């Protein structure tokens, strides 16, 4: 559902700032729906990094066009944090949306 909302937002004639706000809201909602907050929320589960820590780490990818896709591929195949079933169950499209959200600061 969130992926469709993000795609629809791209078609609407809104300003860049408004678009960024809509996509960020959709992405944070997607993170809730997929259960990401269970491990990466506050407080984090065991040694899982928080959304803020992930965003700070992934900020270095902001200017790299293909970064969300590459990171999503790595996350889903298990080469970022090891084989975590929840990461592997996320669809490619949803994973790319979440990675873009993290790269953009997870706000």
PDB file of N, CA and C in Angstrom:
ATOM      1  N   UNK A   1       0.814  -1.188   0.000  1.00  0.00           N
ATOM      2  CA  UNK A   1       0.000   0.000   0.000  1.00  0.00           C
ATOM      3  C   UNK A   1       0.863   1.260   0.000  1.00  0.00           C
ATOM      4  N   UNK A   2       1.903   1.294   0.828  1.00  0.00           N
ATOM      5  CA  UNK A   2       2.753   2.485   0.898  1.00  0.00           C
ATOM      6  C   UNK A   2       3.498   2.706  -0.418  1.00  0.00           C
ATOM      7  N   UNK A   3       3.874   1.606  -1.076  1.00  0.00           N
ATOM      8  CA  UNK A   3       4.565   1.749  -2.352  1.00  0.00           C
ATOM      9  C   UNK A   3       3.655   2.425  -3.358  1.00  0.00           C
ATOM     10  N   UNK A   4       2.385   2.002  -3.398  1.00  0.00           N
ATOM     11  CA  UNK A   4       1.436   2.628  -4.329  1.00  0.00           C
ATOM     12  C   UNK A   4       1.240   4.096  -3.996  1.00  0.00           C
ATOM     13  N   UNK A   5       1.214   4.426  -2.718  1.00  0.00           N
ATOM     14  CA  UNK A   5       1.068   5.819  -2.311  1.00  0.00           C
ATOM     15  C   UNK A   5       2.279   6.637  -2.767  1.00  0.00           C
ATOM     16  N   UNK A   6       3.469   6.088  -2.614  1.00  0.00           N
ATOM     17  CA  UNK A   6       4.675   6.783  -3.045  1.00  0.00           C
ATOM     18  C   UNK A   6       4.658   6.997  -4.552  1.00  0.00           C
ATOM     19  N   UNK A   7       4.219   5.991  -5.304  1.00  0.00           N
ATOM     20  CA  UNK A   7       4.145   6.129  -6.763  1.00  0.00           C
ATOM     21  C   UNK A   7       3.117   7.178  -7.154  1.00  0.00           C
ATOM     22  N   UNK A   8       1.979   7.194  -6.474  1.00  0.00           N
ATOM     23  CA  UNK A   8       0.948   8.181  -6.755  1.00  0.00           C
ATOM     24  C   UNK A   8       1.457   9.580  -6.461  1.00  0.00           C
ATOM     25  N   UNK A   9       2.193   9.736  -5.386  1.00  0.00           N
ATOM     26  CA  UNK A   9       2.727  11.047  -5.021  1.00  0.00           C
ATOM     27  C   UNK A   9       3.633  11.605  -6.112  1.00  0.00           C
ATOM     28  N   UNK A  10       4.315  10.747  -6.828  1.00  0.00           N
ATOM     29  CA  UNK A  10       5.191  11.211  -7.903  1.00  0.00           C
ATOM     30  C   UNK A  10       4.400  11.817  -9.052  1.00  0.00           C
ATOM     31  N   UNK A  11       3.146  11.437  -9.178  1.00  0.00           N
ATOM     32  CA  UNK A  11       2.316  11.926 -10.271  1.00  0.00           C
ATOM     33  C   UNK A  11       1.603  13.234  -9.942  1.00  0.00           C
ATOM     34  N   UNK A  12       1.511  13.563  -8.678  1.00  0.00           N
ATOM     35  CA  UNK A  12       0.798  14.758  -8.267  1.00  0.00           C
ATOM     36  C   UNK A  12       1.630  16.014  -8.506  1.00  0.00           C
ATOM     37  N   UNK A  13       0.973  17.105  -8.930  1.00  0.00           N
ATOM     38  CA  UNK A  13       1.708  18.359  -9.144  1.00  0.00           C
ATOM     39  C   UNK A  13       1.914  19.116  -7.833  1.00  0.00           C
ATOM     40  N   UNK A  14       2.914  18.688  -7.062  1.00  0.00           N
ATOM     41  CA  UNK A  14       3.214  19.346  -5.797  1.00  0.00           C
ATOM     42  C   UNK A  14       4.660  19.801  -5.805  1.00  0.00           C
ATOM     43  N   UNK A  15       4.968  20.704  -4.897  1.00  0.00           N
ATOM     44  CA  UNK A  15       6.343  21.200  -4.807  1.00  0.00           C
ATOM     45  C   UNK A  15       7.272  20.095  -4.335  1.00  0.00           C
ATOM     46  N   UNK A  16       8.553  20.273  -4.568  1.00  0.00           N
ATOM     47  CA  UNK A  16       9.548  19.301  -4.129  1.00  0.00           C
ATOM     48  C   UNK A  16       9.504  19.086  -2.628  1.00  0.00           C
ATOM     49  N   UNK A  17       9.331  20.169  -1.865  1.00  0.00           N
ATOM     50  CA  UNK A  17       9.283  20.053  -0.412  1.00  0.00           C
ATOM     51  C   UNK A  17       8.058  19.255   0.023  1.00  0.00           C
ATOM     52  N   UNK A  18       6.908  19.563  -0.558  1.00  0.00           N
ATOM     53  CA  UNK A  18       5.685  18.838  -0.210  1.00  0.00           C
ATOM     54  C   UNK A  18       5.822  17.364  -0.571  1.00  0.00           C
ATOM     55  N   UNK A  19       6.431  17.095  -1.715  1.00  0.00           N
ATOM     56  CA  UNK A  19       6.647  15.712  -2.148  1.00  0.00           C
ATOM     57  C   UNK A  19       7.543  14.988  -1.144  1.00  0.00           C
ATOM     58  N   UNK A  20       8.604  15.644  -0.724  1.00  0.00           N
ATOM     59  CA  UNK A  20       9.516  15.037   0.245  1.00  0.00           C
ATOM     60  C   UNK A  20       8.781  14.716   1.544  1.00  0.00           C
ATOM     61  N   UNK A  21       7.909  15.612   1.981  1.00  0.00           N
ATOM     62  CA  UNK A  21       7.140  15.384   3.211  1.00  0.00           C
ATOM     63  C   UNK A  21       6.202  14.195   3.064  1.00  0.00           C
ATOM     64  N   UNK A  22       5.522  14.115   1.923  1.00  0.00           N
ATOM     65  CA  UNK A  22       4.599  13.004   1.688  1.00  0.00           C
ATOM     66  C   UNK A  22       5.336  11.669   1.643  1.00  0.00           C
ATOM     67  N   UNK A  23       6.459  11.637   0.946  1.00  0.00           N
ATOM     68  CA  UNK A  23       7.217  10.397   0.847  1.00  0.00           C
ATOM     69  C   UNK A  23       7.820   9.992   2.179  1.00  0.00           C
ATOM     70  N   UNK A  24       8.289  10.961   2.948  1.00  0.00           N
ATOM     71  CA  UNK A  24       8.847  10.647   4.267  1.00  0.00           C
ATOM     72  C   UNK A  24       7.775  10.063   5.175  1.00  0.00           C
ATOM     73  N   UNK A  25       6.585  10.640   5.134  1.00  0.00           N
ATOM     74  CA  UNK A  25       5.490  10.135   5.947  1.00  0.00           C
ATOM     75  C   UNK A  25       5.125   8.717   5.506  1.00  0.00           C
ATOM     76  N   UNK A  26       5.069   8.503   4.195  1.00  0.00           N
ATOM     77  CA  UNK A  26       4.755   7.173   3.673  1.00  0.00           C
ATOM     78  C   UNK A  26       5.821   6.175   4.092  1.00  0.00           C
ATOM     79  N   UNK A  27       7.080   6.588   4.064  1.00  0.00           N
ATOM     80  CA  UNK A  27       8.177   5.682   4.403  1.00  0.00           C
ATOM     81  C   UNK A  27       8.203   5.343   5.886  1.00  0.00           C
ATOM     82  N   UNK A  28       7.944   6.316   6.739  1.00  0.00           N
ATOM     83  CA  UNK A  28       7.916   6.012   8.168  1.00  0.00           C
ATOM     84  C   UNK A  28       6.729   5.102   8.486  1.00  0.00           C
ATOM     85  N   UNK A  29       5.622   5.289   7.787  1.00  0.00           N
ATOM     86  CA  UNK A  29       4.467   4.415   7.960  1.00  0.00           C
ATOM     87  C   UNK A  29       4.793   3.007   7.469  1.00  0.00           C
ATOM     88  N   UNK A  30       5.503   2.913   6.364  1.00  0.00           N
ATOM     89  CA  UNK A  30       5.921   1.608   5.842  1.00  0.00           C
ATOM     90  C   UNK A  30       6.817   0.895   6.852  1.00  0.00           C
ATOM     91  N   UNK A  31       7.728   1.633   7.480  1.00  0.00           N
ATOM     92  CA  UNK A  31       8.605   1.051   8.497  1.00  0.00           C
ATOM     93  C   UNK A  31       7.779   0.499   9.665  1.00  0.00           C
ATOM     94  N   UNK A  32       6.720   1.194  10.037  1.00  0.00           N
ATOM     95  CA  UNK A  32       5.838   0.700  11.096  1.00  0.00           C
ATOM     96  C   UNK A  32       5.101  -0.554  10.640  1.00  0.00           C
ATOM     97  N   UNK A  33       4.541  -0.501   9.423  1.00  0.00           N
ATOM     98  CA  UNK A  33       3.777  -1.629   8.908  1.00  0.00           C
ATOM     99  C   UNK A  33       4.615  -2.892   8.762  1.00  0.00           C
ATOM    100  N   UNK A  34       5.870  -2.747   8.395  1.00  0.00           N
ATOM    101  CA  UNK A  34       6.743  -3.897   8.190  1.00  0.00           C
ATOM    102  C   UNK A  34       7.386  -4.383   9.483  1.00  0.00           C
ATOM    103  N   UNK A  35       7.127  -3.698  10.593  1.00  0.00           N
ATOM    104  CA  UNK A  35       7.655  -4.130  11.882  1.00  0.00           C
ATOM    105  C   UNK A  35       9.088  -3.705  12.155  1.00  0.00           C
ATOM    106  N   UNK A  36       9.616  -2.792  11.349  1.00  0.00           N
ATOM    107  CA  UNK A  36      11.005  -2.354  11.515  1.00  0.00           C
ATOM    108  C   UNK A  36      11.239  -1.713  12.886  1.00  0.00           C
ATOM    109  N   UNK A  37      10.207  -1.050  13.398  1.00  0.00           N
ATOM    110  CA  UNK A  37      10.345  -0.361  14.688  1.00  0.00           C
ATOM    111  C   UNK A  37      10.547  -1.329  15.843  1.00  0.00           C
ATOM    112  N   UNK A  38      10.131  -2.556  15.655  1.00  0.00           N
ATOM    113  CA  UNK A  38      10.317  -3.556  16.705  1.00  0.00           C
ATOM    114  C   UNK A  38      11.778  -3.757  17.060  1.00  0.00           C
ATOM    115  N   UNK A  39      12.638  -3.628  16.079  1.00  0.00           N
ATOM    116  CA  UNK A  39      14.079  -3.792  16.320  1.00  0.00           C
ATOM    117  C   UNK A  39      14.837  -2.462  16.263  1.00  0.00           C
ATOM    118  N   UNK A  40      14.414  -1.576  15.369  1.00  0.00           N
ATOM    119  CA  UNK A  40      15.182  -0.348  15.131  1.00  0.00           C
ATOM    120  C   UNK A  40      14.574   0.885  15.785  1.00  0.00           C
ATOM    121  N   UNK A  41      13.484   0.733  16.521  1.00  0.00           N
ATOM    122  CA  UNK A  41      12.858   1.860  17.210  1.00  0.00           C
ATOM    123  C   UNK A  41      13.596   2.204  18.491  1.00  0.00           C
ATOM    124  N   UNK A  42      12.946   3.002  19.321  1.00  0.00           N
ATOM    125  CA  UNK A  42      13.522   3.399  20.604  1.00  0.00           C
ATOM    126  C   UNK A  42      12.760   2.713  21.724  1.00  0.00           C
ATOM    127  N   UNK A  43      13.382   1.932  22.543  1.00  0.00           N
ATOM    128  CA  UNK A  43      14.778   1.492  22.489  1.00  0.00           C
ATOM    129  C   UNK A  43      14.920   0.374  21.458  1.00  0.00           C
ATOM    130  N   UNK A  44      16.111   0.234  20.897  1.00  0.00           N
ATOM    131  CA  UNK A  44      16.319  -0.822  19.904  1.00  0.00           C
ATOM    132  C   UNK A  44      16.395  -2.190  20.565  1.00  0.00           C
ATOM    133  N   UNK A  45      16.127  -3.199  19.777  1.00  0.00           N
ATOM    134  CA  UNK A  45      16.223  -4.578  20.269  1.00  0.00           C
ATOM    135  C   UNK A  45      17.684  -5.028  20.210  1.00  0.00           C
ATOM    136  N   UNK A  46      18.172  -5.534  21.287  1.00  0.00           N
ATOM    137  CA  UNK A  46      19.543  -6.047  21.407  1.00  0.00           C
ATOM    138  C   UNK A  46      20.556  -5.091  20.788  1.00  0.00           C
ATOM    139  N   UNK A  47      21.273  -5.566  19.794  1.00  0.00           N
ATOM    140  CA  UNK A  47      22.325  -4.739  19.199  1.00  0.00           C
ATOM    141  C   UNK A  47      21.903  -4.083  17.887  1.00  0.00           C
ATOM    142  N   UNK A  48      20.608  -4.086  17.594  1.00  0.00           N
ATOM    143  CA  UNK A  48      20.122  -3.476  16.350  1.00  0.00           C
ATOM    144  C   UNK A  48      20.348  -1.963  16.387  1.00  0.00           C
ATOM    145  N   UNK A  49      20.814  -1.383  15.291  1.00  0.00           N
ATOM    146  CA  UNK A  49      20.969   0.074  15.250  1.00  0.00           C
ATOM    147  C   UNK A  49      19.606   0.747  15.163  1.00  0.00           C
ATOM    148  N   UNK A  50      19.491   1.917  15.755  1.00  0.00           N
ATOM    149  CA  UNK A  50      18.239   2.674  15.680  1.00  0.00           C
ATOM    150  C   UNK A  50      18.110   3.299  14.291  1.00  0.00           C
ATOM    151  N   UNK A  51      16.908   3.786  13.977  1.00  0.00           N
ATOM    152  CA  UNK A  51      16.707   4.492  12.709  1.00  0.00           C
ATOM    153  C   UNK A  51      17.666   5.675  12.608  1.00  0.00           C
ATOM    154  N   UNK A  52      17.856   6.391  13.715  1.00  0.00           N
ATOM    155  CA  UNK A  52      18.754   7.554  13.707  1.00  0.00           C
ATOM    156  C   UNK A  52      20.193   7.133  13.408  1.00  0.00           C
ATOM    157  N   UNK A  53      20.627   6.029  13.990  1.00  0.00           N
ATOM    158  CA  UNK A  53      21.983   5.543  13.724  1.00  0.00           C
ATOM    159  C   UNK A  53      22.139   5.100  12.274  1.00  0.00           C
ATOM    160  N   UNK A  54      21.132   4.408  11.751  1.00  0.00           N
ATOM    161  CA  UNK A  54      21.171   3.990  10.350  1.00  0.00           C
ATOM    162  C   UNK A  54      21.194   5.197   9.426  1.00  0.00           C
ATOM    163  N   UNK A  55      20.352   6.192   9.729  1.00  0.00           N
ATOM    164  CA  UNK A  55      20.299   7.401   8.902  1.00  0.00           C
ATOM    165  C   UNK A  55      21.644   8.124   8.909  1.00  0.00           C
ATOM    166  N   UNK A  56      22.265   8.214  10.062  1.00  0.00           N
ATOM    167  CA  UNK A  56      23.577   8.872  10.146  1.00  0.00           C
ATOM    168  C   UNK A  56      24.617   8.102   9.335  1.00  0.00           C
ATOM    169  N   UNK A  57      24.560   6.794   9.402  1.00  0.00           N
ATOM    170  CA  UNK A  57      25.509   5.959   8.661  1.00  0.00           C
ATOM    171  C   UNK A  57      25.273   6.036   7.149  1.00  0.00           C
ATOM    172  N   UNK A  58      24.004   6.050   6.737  1.00  0.00           N
ATOM    173  CA  UNK A  58      23.678   6.050   5.306  1.00  0.00           C
ATOM    174  C   UNK A  58      23.657   7.434   4.680  1.00  0.00           C
ATOM    175  N   UNK A  59      23.867   8.471   5.458  1.00  0.00           N
ATOM    176  CA  UNK A  59      23.889   9.841   4.914  1.00  0.00           C
ATOM    177  C   UNK A  59      24.958   9.988   3.838  1.00  0.00           C
ATOM    178  N   UNK A  60      25.995   9.214   3.911  1.00  0.00           N
ATOM    179  CA  UNK A  60      27.081   9.309   2.928  1.00  0.00           C
ATOM    180  C   UNK A  60      26.631   8.896   1.522  1.00  0.00           C
ATOM    181  N   UNK A  61      25.473   8.268   1.404  1.00  0.00           N
ATOM    182  CA  UNK A  61      24.964   7.831   0.103  1.00  0.00           C
ATOM    183  C   UNK A  61      24.007   8.845  -0.541  1.00  0.00           C
ATOM    184  N   UNK A  62      23.792   9.992   0.087  1.00  0.00           N
ATOM    185  CA  UNK A  62      22.783  10.948  -0.392  1.00  0.00           C
ATOM    186  C   UNK A  62      22.952  11.365  -1.845  1.00  0.00           C
ATOM    187  N   UNK A  63      24.130  11.550  -2.307  1.00  0.00           N
ATOM    188  CA  UNK A  63      24.348  12.021  -3.672  1.00  0.00           C
ATOM    189  C   UNK A  63      24.532  10.887  -4.680  1.00  0.00           C
ATOM    190  N   UNK A  64      24.399   9.654  -4.229  1.00  0.00           N
ATOM    191  CA  UNK A  64      24.606   8.510  -5.115  1.00  0.00           C
ATOM    192  C   UNK A  64      23.259   7.996  -5.624  1.00  0.00           C
ATOM    193  N   UNK A  65      23.060   8.146  -6.924  1.00  0.00           N
ATOM    194  CA  UNK A  65      21.775   7.853  -7.545  1.00  0.00           C
ATOM    195  C   UNK A  65      21.303   6.414  -7.321  1.00  0.00           C
ATOM    196  N   UNK A  66      22.127   5.431  -7.501  1.00  0.00           N
ATOM    197  CA  UNK A  66      21.714   4.040  -7.388  1.00  0.00           C
ATOM    198  C   UNK A  66      21.830   3.446  -6.005  1.00  0.00           C
ATOM    199  N   UNK A  67      22.147   4.261  -5.015  1.00  0.00           N
ATOM    200  CA  UNK A  67      22.400   3.739  -3.666  1.00  0.00           C
ATOM    201  C   UNK A  67      21.215   3.004  -3.051  1.00  0.00           C
ATOM    202  N   UNK A  68      19.984   3.525  -3.117  1.00  0.00           N
ATOM    203  CA  UNK A  68      18.878   2.786  -2.486  1.00  0.00           C
ATOM    204  C   UNK A  68      18.726   1.367  -3.041  1.00  0.00           C
ATOM    205  N   UNK A  69      18.866   1.225  -4.348  1.00  0.00           N
ATOM    206  CA  UNK A  69      18.731  -0.108  -4.961  1.00  0.00           C
ATOM    207  C   UNK A  69      19.868  -1.026  -4.511  1.00  0.00           C
ATOM    208  N   UNK A  70      21.097  -0.514  -4.529  1.00  0.00           N
ATOM    209  CA  UNK A  70      22.242  -1.337  -4.128  1.00  0.00           C
ATOM    210  C   UNK A  70      22.144  -1.764  -2.670  1.00  0.00           C
ATOM    211  N   UNK A  71      21.781  -0.818  -1.803  1.00  0.00           N
ATOM    212  CA  UNK A  71      21.646  -1.149  -0.385  1.00  0.00           C
ATOM    213  C   UNK A  71      20.489  -2.114  -0.149  1.00  0.00           C
ATOM    214  N   UNK A  72      19.395  -1.927  -0.873  1.00  0.00           N
ATOM    215  CA  UNK A  72      18.250  -2.837  -0.745  1.00  0.00           C
ATOM    216  C   UNK A  72      18.651  -4.244  -1.163  1.00  0.00           C
ATOM    217  N   UNK A  73      19.392  -4.357  -2.258  1.00  0.00           N
ATOM    218  CA  UNK A  73      19.872  -5.673  -2.703  1.00  0.00           C
ATOM    219  C   UNK A  73      20.722  -6.330  -1.626  1.00  0.00           C
ATOM    220  N   UNK A  74      21.648  -5.575  -1.070  1.00  0.00           N
ATOM    221  CA  UNK A  74      22.547  -6.117  -0.043  1.00  0.00           C
ATOM    222  C   UNK A  74      21.780  -6.517   1.216  1.00  0.00           C
ATOM    223  N   UNK A  75      20.815  -5.684   1.618  1.00  0.00           N
ATOM    224  CA  UNK A  75      20.035  -5.990   2.817  1.00  0.00           C
ATOM    225  C   UNK A  75      19.241  -7.268   2.619  1.00  0.00           C
ATOM    226  N   UNK A  76      18.573  -7.382   1.485  1.00  0.00           N
ATOM    227  CA  UNK A  76      17.721  -8.546   1.226  1.00  0.00           C
ATOM    228  C   UNK A  76      18.515  -9.831   1.036  1.00  0.00           C
ATOM    229  N   UNK A  77      19.731  -9.731   0.525  1.00  0.00           N
ATOM    230  CA  UNK A  77      20.534 -10.944   0.333  1.00  0.00           C
ATOM    231  C   UNK A  77      21.326 -11.327   1.582  1.00  0.00           C
ATOM    232  N   UNK A  78      21.345 -10.446   2.586  1.00  0.00           N
ATOM    233  CA  UNK A  78      21.994 -10.772   3.849  1.00  0.00           C
ATOM    234  C   UNK A  78      23.428 -10.318   3.982  1.00  0.00           C
ATOM    235  N   UNK A  79      23.920  -9.505   3.059  1.00  0.00           N
ATOM    236  CA  UNK A  79      25.327  -9.110   3.155  1.00  0.00           C
ATOM    237  C   UNK A  79      25.556  -7.811   3.935  1.00  0.00           C
ATOM    238  N   UNK A  80      24.497  -7.140   4.387  1.00  0.00           N
ATOM    239  CA  UNK A  80      24.690  -5.947   5.227  1.00  0.00           C
ATOM    240  C   UNK A  80      24.800  -6.309   6.700  1.00  0.00           C
ATOM    241  N   UNK A  81      23.840  -7.045   7.201  1.00  0.00           N
ATOM    242  CA  UNK A  81      23.792  -7.376   8.631  1.00  0.00           C
ATOM    243  C   UNK A  81      23.694  -8.867   8.890  1.00  0.00           C
ATOM    244  N   UNK A  82      23.961  -9.673   7.898  1.00  0.00           N
ATOM    245  CA  UNK A  82      23.766 -11.107   8.035  1.00  0.00           C
ATOM    246  C   UNK A  82      22.351 -11.466   7.601  1.00  0.00           C
ATOM    247  N   UNK A  83      22.051 -12.727   7.623  1.00  0.00           N
ATOM    248  CA  UNK A  83      20.739 -13.186   7.168  1.00  0.00           C
ATOM    249  C   UNK A  83      19.700 -12.993   8.270  1.00  0.00           C
ATOM    250  N   UNK A  84      18.907 -11.960   8.115  1.00  0.00           N
ATOM    251  CA  UNK A  84      17.839 -11.651   9.059  1.00  0.00           C
ATOM    252  C   UNK A  84      16.533 -11.849   8.300  1.00  0.00           C
ATOM    253  N   UNK A  85      15.718 -12.761   8.766  1.00  0.00           N
ATOM    254  CA  UNK A  85      14.501 -13.150   8.046  1.00  0.00           C
ATOM    255  C   UNK A  85      13.604 -11.953   7.716  1.00  0.00           C
ATOM    256  N   UNK A  86      13.439 -11.040   8.642  1.00  0.00           N
ATOM    257  CA  UNK A  86      12.582  -9.882   8.395  1.00  0.00           C
ATOM    258  C   UNK A  86      13.097  -9.045   7.230  1.00  0.00           C
ATOM    259  N   UNK A  87      14.406  -8.914   7.093  1.00  0.00           N
ATOM    260  CA  UNK A  87      14.980  -8.147   5.984  1.00  0.00           C
ATOM    261  C   UNK A  87      14.742  -8.860   4.660  1.00  0.00           C
ATOM    262  N   UNK A  88      14.834 -10.149   4.675  1.00  0.00           N
ATOM    263  CA  UNK A  88      14.702 -10.932   3.449  1.00  0.00           C
ATOM    264  C   UNK A  88      13.255 -11.022   2.972  1.00  0.00           C
ATOM    265  N   UNK A  89      12.280 -10.801   3.875  1.00  0.00           N
ATOM    266  CA  UNK A  89      10.858 -10.852   3.507  1.00  0.00           C
ATOM    267  C   UNK A  89      10.358  -9.557   2.875  1.00  0.00           C
ATOM    268  N   UNK A  90      11.066  -8.461   3.051  1.00  0.00           N
ATOM    269  CA  UNK A  90      10.630  -7.175   2.493  1.00  0.00           C
ATOM    270  C   UNK A  90      10.793  -7.235   0.975  1.00  0.00           C
ATOM    271  N   UNK A  91       9.791  -6.753   0.246  1.00  0.00           N
ATOM    272  CA  UNK A  91       9.900  -6.753  -1.215  1.00  0.00           C
ATOM    273  C   UNK A  91      11.006  -5.787  -1.648  1.00  0.00           C
ATOM    274  N   UNK A  92      11.502  -5.991  -2.840  1.00  0.00           N
ATOM    275  CA  UNK A  92      12.553  -5.118  -3.376  1.00  0.00           C
ATOM    276  C   UNK A  92      12.090  -3.665  -3.393  1.00  0.00           C
ATOM    277  N   UNK A  93      10.876  -3.430  -3.859  1.00  0.00           N
ATOM    278  CA  UNK A  93      10.354  -2.059  -3.962  1.00  0.00           C
ATOM    279  C   UNK A  93      10.231  -1.403  -2.587  1.00  0.00           C
ATOM    280  N   UNK A  94       9.677  -2.131  -1.635  1.00  0.00           N
ATOM    281  CA  UNK A  94       9.532  -1.587  -0.289  1.00  0.00           C
ATOM    282  C   UNK A  94      10.894  -1.336   0.341  1.00  0.00           C
ATOM    283  N   UNK A  95      11.817  -2.230   0.113  1.00  0.00           N
ATOM    284  CA  UNK A  95      13.158  -2.084   0.663  1.00  0.00           C
ATOM    285  C   UNK A  95      13.848  -0.840   0.099  1.00  0.00           C
ATOM    286  N   UNK A  96      13.685  -0.591  -1.190  1.00  0.00           N
ATOM    287  CA  UNK A  96      14.269   0.600  -1.796  1.00  0.00           C
ATOM    288  C   UNK A  96      13.656   1.872  -1.224  1.00  0.00           C
ATOM    289  N   UNK A  97      12.347   1.866  -0.976  1.00  0.00           N
ATOM    290  CA  UNK A  97      11.683   3.021  -0.368  1.00  0.00           C
ATOM    291  C   UNK A  97      12.251   3.272   1.026  1.00  0.00           C
ATOM    292  N   UNK A  98      12.390   2.208   1.803  1.00  0.00           N
ATOM    293  CA  UNK A  98      12.931   2.345   3.156  1.00  0.00           C
ATOM    294  C   UNK A  98      14.384   2.811   3.131  1.00  0.00           C
ATOM    295  N   UNK A  99      15.166   2.306   2.201  1.00  0.00           N
ATOM    296  CA  UNK A  99      16.562   2.738   2.101  1.00  0.00           C
ATOM    297  C   UNK A  99      16.651   4.213   1.713  1.00  0.00           C
ATOM    298  N   UNK A 100      15.811   4.659   0.800  1.00  0.00           N
ATOM    299  CA  UNK A 100      15.790   6.086   0.429  1.00  0.00           C
ATOM    300  C   UNK A 100      15.433   6.924   1.647  1.00  0.00           C
ATOM    301  N   UNK A 101      14.458   6.470   2.432  1.00  0.00           N
ATOM    302  CA  UNK A 101      14.040   7.173   3.642  1.00  0.00           C
ATOM    303  C   UNK A 101      15.200   7.277   4.636  1.00  0.00           C
ATOM    304  N   UNK A 102      15.933   6.183   4.815  1.00  0.00           N
ATOM    305  CA  UNK A 102      17.079   6.205   5.723  1.00  0.00           C
ATOM    306  C   UNK A 102      18.191   7.127   5.190  1.00  0.00           C
ATOM    307  N   UNK A 103      18.482   7.033   3.916  1.00  0.00           N
ATOM    308  CA  UNK A 103      19.506   7.881   3.318  1.00  0.00           C
ATOM    309  C   UNK A 103      19.143   9.354   3.479  1.00  0.00           C
ATOM    310  N   UNK A 104      17.861   9.664   3.377  1.00  0.00           N
ATOM    311  CA  UNK A 104      17.393  11.051   3.497  1.00  0.00           C
ATOM    312  C   UNK A 104      17.231  11.509   4.950  1.00  0.00           C
ATOM    313  N   UNK A 105      17.597  10.683   5.906  1.00  0.00           N
ATOM    314  CA  UNK A 105      17.585  11.110   7.304  1.00  0.00           C
ATOM    315  C   UNK A 105      16.525  10.479   8.173  1.00  0.00           C
ATOM    316  N   UNK A 106      15.689   9.612   7.622  1.00  0.00           N
ATOM    317  CA  UNK A 106      14.639   8.907   8.397  1.00  0.00           C
ATOM    318  C   UNK A 106      13.752   9.868   9.174  1.00  0.00           C
ATOM    319  N   UNK A 107      13.332  10.924   8.517  1.00  0.00           N
ATOM    320  CA  UNK A 107      12.457  11.900   9.193  1.00  0.00           C
ATOM    321  C   UNK A 107      11.036  11.771   8.722  1.00  0.00           C
TER     322      UNK A 107
END
